[in-house]
Amino acid sequence: MEYKQLIQIAFELRDNAYAPYTGFKCAAVLLSQRGEIYAGTNVEISSLNCSLTAVQSAFSNAISSGEKSFSAIVIVGGLDDSEIDYCPPTGICRQVMQEFCQSGFKIILAKSSDDYIVYEFEDLFPVAFSKKSLIG
């Protein structure tokens, strides 16, 4: 599947985000290595530190469906009344990706279907706490 198609899906899903406290709506579309798509949006609750990010939501959706091999993720987000800018993954999002993504995993940050940047996961999280940290 082309990145532009994934980006379009993410922008459509962004409207479903629940962000009554910050107004920051984010969507993530995760592509499995088999070509399956799993999506998520952020879900804010009044205790903001317990809120769910779009990336966490997408991975939770995929893992709940039995998927554990991924090739790419698109992330779009921004404030309701602002121009969309690139929305890099948070620290917790990067840690979730570290758990489930292999070398070569792509992260696509998009302002629109025609304006996007593609990163390798290792470029955004070069030194990560991983399974190797626990088992040696």
C-alpha atoms as a PDB file:
ATOM      1  CA  MET A   1       0.000   0.000   0.000  1.00  0.00           C
ATOM      2  CA  GLU A   2       1.271   3.472  -0.824  1.00  0.00           C
ATOM      3  CA  TYR A   3       2.048   5.965   1.915  1.00  0.00           C
ATOM      4  CA  LYS A   4      -0.414   8.467   0.431  1.00  0.00           C
ATOM      5  CA  GLN A   5      -3.283   6.017   0.960  1.00  0.00           C
ATOM      6  CA  LEU A   6      -2.281   5.445   4.579  1.00  0.00           C
ATOM      7  CA  ILE A   7      -1.971   9.186   5.135  1.00  0.00           C
ATOM      8  CA  GLN A   8      -5.463   9.775   3.750  1.00  0.00           C
ATOM      9  CA  ILE A   9      -6.886   7.142   6.093  1.00  0.00           C
ATOM     10  CA  ALA A  10      -5.099   8.787   9.039  1.00  0.00           C
ATOM     11  CA  PHE A  11      -6.503  12.227   8.236  1.00  0.00           C
ATOM     12  CA  GLU A  12     -10.016  10.783   7.975  1.00  0.00           C
ATOM     13  CA  LEU A  13      -9.659   8.989  11.325  1.00  0.00           C
ATOM     14  CA  ARG A  14      -8.224  12.040  13.082  1.00  0.00           C
ATOM     15  CA  ASP A  15     -11.749  13.444  13.389  1.00  0.00           C
ATOM     16  CA  ASN A  16     -12.606  10.474  15.628  1.00  0.00           C
ATOM     17  CA  ALA A  17      -9.987  11.415  18.237  1.00  0.00           C
ATOM     18  CA  TYR A  18     -11.324  12.303  21.664  1.00  0.00           C
ATOM     19  CA  ALA A  19      -9.468  15.410  22.857  1.00  0.00           C
ATOM     20  CA  PRO A  20     -11.846  17.582  24.908  1.00  0.00           C
ATOM     21  CA  TYR A  21      -9.115  18.951  27.198  1.00  0.00           C
ATOM     22  CA  THR A  22      -6.245  19.882  24.882  1.00  0.00           C
ATOM     23  CA  GLY A  23      -7.937  19.979  21.480  1.00  0.00           C
ATOM     24  CA  PHE A  24      -4.932  18.078  20.094  1.00  0.00           C
ATOM     25  CA  LYS A  25      -6.297  15.363  17.809  1.00  0.00           C
ATOM     26  CA  CYS A  26      -3.997  12.646  16.549  1.00  0.00           C
ATOM     27  CA  ALA A  27      -4.420   9.516  14.461  1.00  0.00           C
ATOM     28  CA  ALA A  28      -2.040   6.686  13.669  1.00  0.00           C
ATOM     29  CA  VAL A  29      -2.348   4.095  10.917  1.00  0.00           C
ATOM     30  CA  LEU A  30      -0.176   1.027  11.341  1.00  0.00           C
ATOM     31  CA  LEU A  31       0.710  -1.241   8.420  1.00  0.00           C
ATOM     32  CA  SER A  32       1.524  -4.863   9.134  1.00  0.00           C
ATOM     33  CA  GLN A  33       4.061  -6.802   7.134  1.00  0.00           C
ATOM     34  CA  ARG A  34       1.119  -8.760   5.691  1.00  0.00           C
ATOM     35  CA  GLY A  35      -0.462  -5.533   4.398  1.00  0.00           C
ATOM     36  CA  GLU A  36      -3.189  -5.295   7.047  1.00  0.00           C
ATOM     37  CA  ILE A  37      -4.103  -1.858   8.423  1.00  0.00           C
ATOM     38  CA  TYR A  38      -4.698  -1.068  12.090  1.00  0.00           C
ATOM     39  CA  ALA A  39      -5.705   2.401  13.210  1.00  0.00           C
ATOM     40  CA  GLY A  40      -5.949   4.353  16.408  1.00  0.00           C
ATOM     41  CA  THR A  41      -6.666   7.813  17.738  1.00  0.00           C
ATOM     42  CA  ASN A  42      -5.740   9.551  20.923  1.00  0.00           C
ATOM     43  CA  VAL A  43      -8.238   9.278  23.777  1.00  0.00           C
ATOM     44  CA  GLU A  44      -7.927  11.917  26.488  1.00  0.00           C
ATOM     45  CA  ILE A  45      -9.402  11.544  29.928  1.00  0.00           C
ATOM     46  CA  SER A  46      -9.492  14.154  32.667  1.00  0.00           C
ATOM     47  CA  SER A  47      -6.416  12.608  34.284  1.00  0.00           C
ATOM     48  CA  LEU A  48      -4.278  13.416  31.238  1.00  0.00           C
ATOM     49  CA  ASN A  49      -1.321  11.245  32.236  1.00  0.00           C
ATOM     50  CA  CYS A  50      -3.632   8.220  31.873  1.00  0.00           C
ATOM     51  CA  SER A  51      -4.723   9.152  28.359  1.00  0.00           C
ATOM     52  CA  LEU A  52      -4.058   6.878  25.390  1.00  0.00           C
ATOM     53  CA  THR A  53      -1.965   8.044  22.445  1.00  0.00           C
ATOM     54  CA  ALA A  54      -2.934   7.301  18.850  1.00  0.00           C
ATOM     55  CA  VAL A  55       0.163   5.132  18.446  1.00  0.00           C
ATOM     56  CA  GLN A  56      -0.661   3.116  21.562  1.00  0.00           C
ATOM     57  CA  SER A  57      -4.218   2.751  20.320  1.00  0.00           C
ATOM     58  CA  ALA A  58      -3.124   1.501  16.875  1.00  0.00           C
ATOM     59  CA  PHE A  59      -0.678  -1.020  18.334  1.00  0.00           C
ATOM     60  CA  SER A  60      -3.256  -2.192  20.862  1.00  0.00           C
ATOM     61  CA  ASN A  61      -5.740  -2.727  18.046  1.00  0.00           C
ATOM     62  CA  ALA A  62      -3.177  -4.730  16.068  1.00  0.00           C
ATOM     63  CA  ILE A  63      -1.929  -6.828  18.986  1.00  0.00           C
ATOM     64  CA  SER A  64      -5.529  -7.550  20.049  1.00  0.00           C
ATOM     65  CA  SER A  65      -6.125  -8.874  16.526  1.00  0.00           C
ATOM     66  CA  GLY A  66      -3.098 -11.187  16.763  1.00  0.00           C
ATOM     67  CA  GLU A  67      -0.733  -9.085  14.627  1.00  0.00           C
ATOM     68  CA  LYS A  68       2.866  -8.692  15.782  1.00  0.00           C
ATOM     69  CA  SER A  69       4.889  -7.845  12.641  1.00  0.00           C
ATOM     70  CA  PHE A  70       4.835  -4.316  11.267  1.00  0.00           C
ATOM     71  CA  SER A  71       6.424  -2.367   8.437  1.00  0.00           C
ATOM     72  CA  ALA A  72       5.232   1.248   8.817  1.00  0.00           C
ATOM     73  CA  ILE A  73       3.116   3.743  10.717  1.00  0.00           C
ATOM     74  CA  VAL A  74       1.626   7.072   9.670  1.00  0.00           C
ATOM     75  CA  ILE A  75       1.114   9.706  12.362  1.00  0.00           C
ATOM     76  CA  VAL A  76      -0.914  12.886  11.858  1.00  0.00           C
ATOM     77  CA  GLY A  77      -1.958  15.346  14.510  1.00  0.00           C
ATOM     78  CA  GLY A  78      -2.431  18.879  15.658  1.00  0.00           C
ATOM     79  CA  LEU A  79      -4.719  21.283  17.419  1.00  0.00           C
ATOM     80  CA  ASP A  80      -8.257  21.559  16.085  1.00  0.00           C
ATOM     81  CA  ASP A  81      -7.962  25.163  15.012  1.00  0.00           C
ATOM     82  CA  SER A  82      -4.340  25.152  13.853  1.00  0.00           C
ATOM     83  CA  GLU A  83      -2.570  24.266  10.668  1.00  0.00           C
ATOM     84  CA  ILE A  84      -1.391  20.655  10.693  1.00  0.00           C
ATOM     85  CA  ASP A  85       2.333  20.255  11.261  1.00  0.00           C
ATOM     86  CA  TYR A  86       4.478  17.125  11.454  1.00  0.00           C
ATOM     87  CA  CYS A  87       3.576  15.199  14.601  1.00  0.00           C
ATOM     88  CA  PRO A  88       6.534  13.153  15.848  1.00  0.00           C
ATOM     89  CA  PRO A  89       5.868  10.224  18.184  1.00  0.00           C
ATOM     90  CA  THR A  90       6.121  10.858  21.910  1.00  0.00           C
ATOM     91  CA  GLY A  91       8.623   9.055  24.115  1.00  0.00           C
ATOM     92  CA  ILE A  92       6.047   6.491  25.219  1.00  0.00           C
ATOM     93  CA  CYS A  93       5.053   5.960  21.565  1.00  0.00           C
ATOM     94  CA  ARG A  94       8.672   5.311  20.640  1.00  0.00           C
ATOM     95  CA  GLN A  95       8.982   2.807  23.461  1.00  0.00           C
ATOM     96  CA  VAL A  96       5.872   0.968  22.224  1.00  0.00           C
ATOM     97  CA  MET A  97       7.366   0.866  18.716  1.00  0.00           C
ATOM     98  CA  GLN A  98      10.641  -0.452  20.164  1.00  0.00           C
ATOM     99  CA  GLU A  99       8.771  -3.419  21.594  1.00  0.00           C
ATOM    100  CA  PHE A 100       7.137  -4.491  18.346  1.00  0.00           C
ATOM    101  CA  CYS A 101       9.126  -3.145  15.379  1.00  0.00           C
ATOM    102  CA  GLN A 102      12.168  -4.527  13.663  1.00  0.00           C
ATOM    103  CA  SER A 103      14.950  -2.704  11.863  1.00  0.00           C
ATOM    104  CA  GLY A 104      13.663  -0.918   8.773  1.00  0.00           C
ATOM    105  CA  PHE A 105      10.310   0.035  10.305  1.00  0.00           C
ATOM    106  CA  LYS A 106       9.163   3.302   8.722  1.00  0.00           C
ATOM    107  CA  ILE A 107       7.559   6.247  10.513  1.00  0.00           C
ATOM    108  CA  ILE A 108       5.695   8.631   8.228  1.00  0.00           C
ATOM    109  CA  LEU A 109       4.863  12.084   9.583  1.00  0.00           C
ATOM    110  CA  ALA A 110       2.424  13.971   7.376  1.00  0.00           C
ATOM    111  CA  LYS A 111       1.036  17.468   6.953  1.00  0.00           C
ATOM    112  CA  SER A 112      -1.021  16.257   3.974  1.00  0.00           C
ATOM    113  CA  SER A 113      -1.087  13.420   1.453  1.00  0.00           C
ATOM    114  CA  ASP A 114       1.526  15.263  -0.585  1.00  0.00           C
ATOM    115  CA  ASP A 115       3.655  16.693   2.229  1.00  0.00           C
ATOM    116  CA  TYR A 116       5.227  14.015   4.388  1.00  0.00           C
ATOM    117  CA  ILE A 117       8.560  12.835   5.783  1.00  0.00           C
ATOM    118  CA  VAL A 118       9.644   9.202   6.136  1.00  0.00           C
ATOM    119  CA  TYR A 119      11.991   8.181   8.949  1.00  0.00           C
ATOM    120  CA  GLU A 120      13.557   4.881   9.877  1.00  0.00           C
ATOM    121  CA  PHE A 121      12.682   3.985  13.468  1.00  0.00           C
ATOM    122  CA  GLU A 122      16.372   3.867  14.394  1.00  0.00           C
ATOM    123  CA  ASP A 123      16.754   7.518  13.312  1.00  0.00           C
ATOM    124  CA  LEU A 124      14.116   8.678  15.805  1.00  0.00           C
ATOM    125  CA  PHE A 125      15.111   6.349  18.637  1.00  0.00           C
ATOM    126  CA  PRO A 126      18.805   5.471  18.196  1.00  0.00           C
ATOM    127  CA  VAL A 127      19.413   4.178  21.727  1.00  0.00           C
ATOM    128  CA  ALA A 128      16.443   2.404  23.242  1.00  0.00           C
ATOM    129  CA  PHE A 129      15.616   0.324  26.277  1.00  0.00           C
ATOM    130  CA  SER A 130      14.686  -3.012  24.745  1.00  0.00           C
ATOM    131  CA  LYS A 131      14.234  -6.712  25.405  1.00  0.00           C
ATOM    132  CA  LYS A 132      18.022  -7.029  25.256  1.00  0.00           C
ATOM    133  CA  SER A 133      18.226  -4.705  28.270  1.00  0.00           C
ATOM    134  CA  LEU A 134      16.281  -7.237  30.323  1.00  0.00           C
ATOM    135  CA  ILE A 135      17.679 -10.539  29.110  1.00  0.00           C
ATOM    136  CA  GLY A 136      21.215  -9.539  28.188  1.00  0.00           C
END
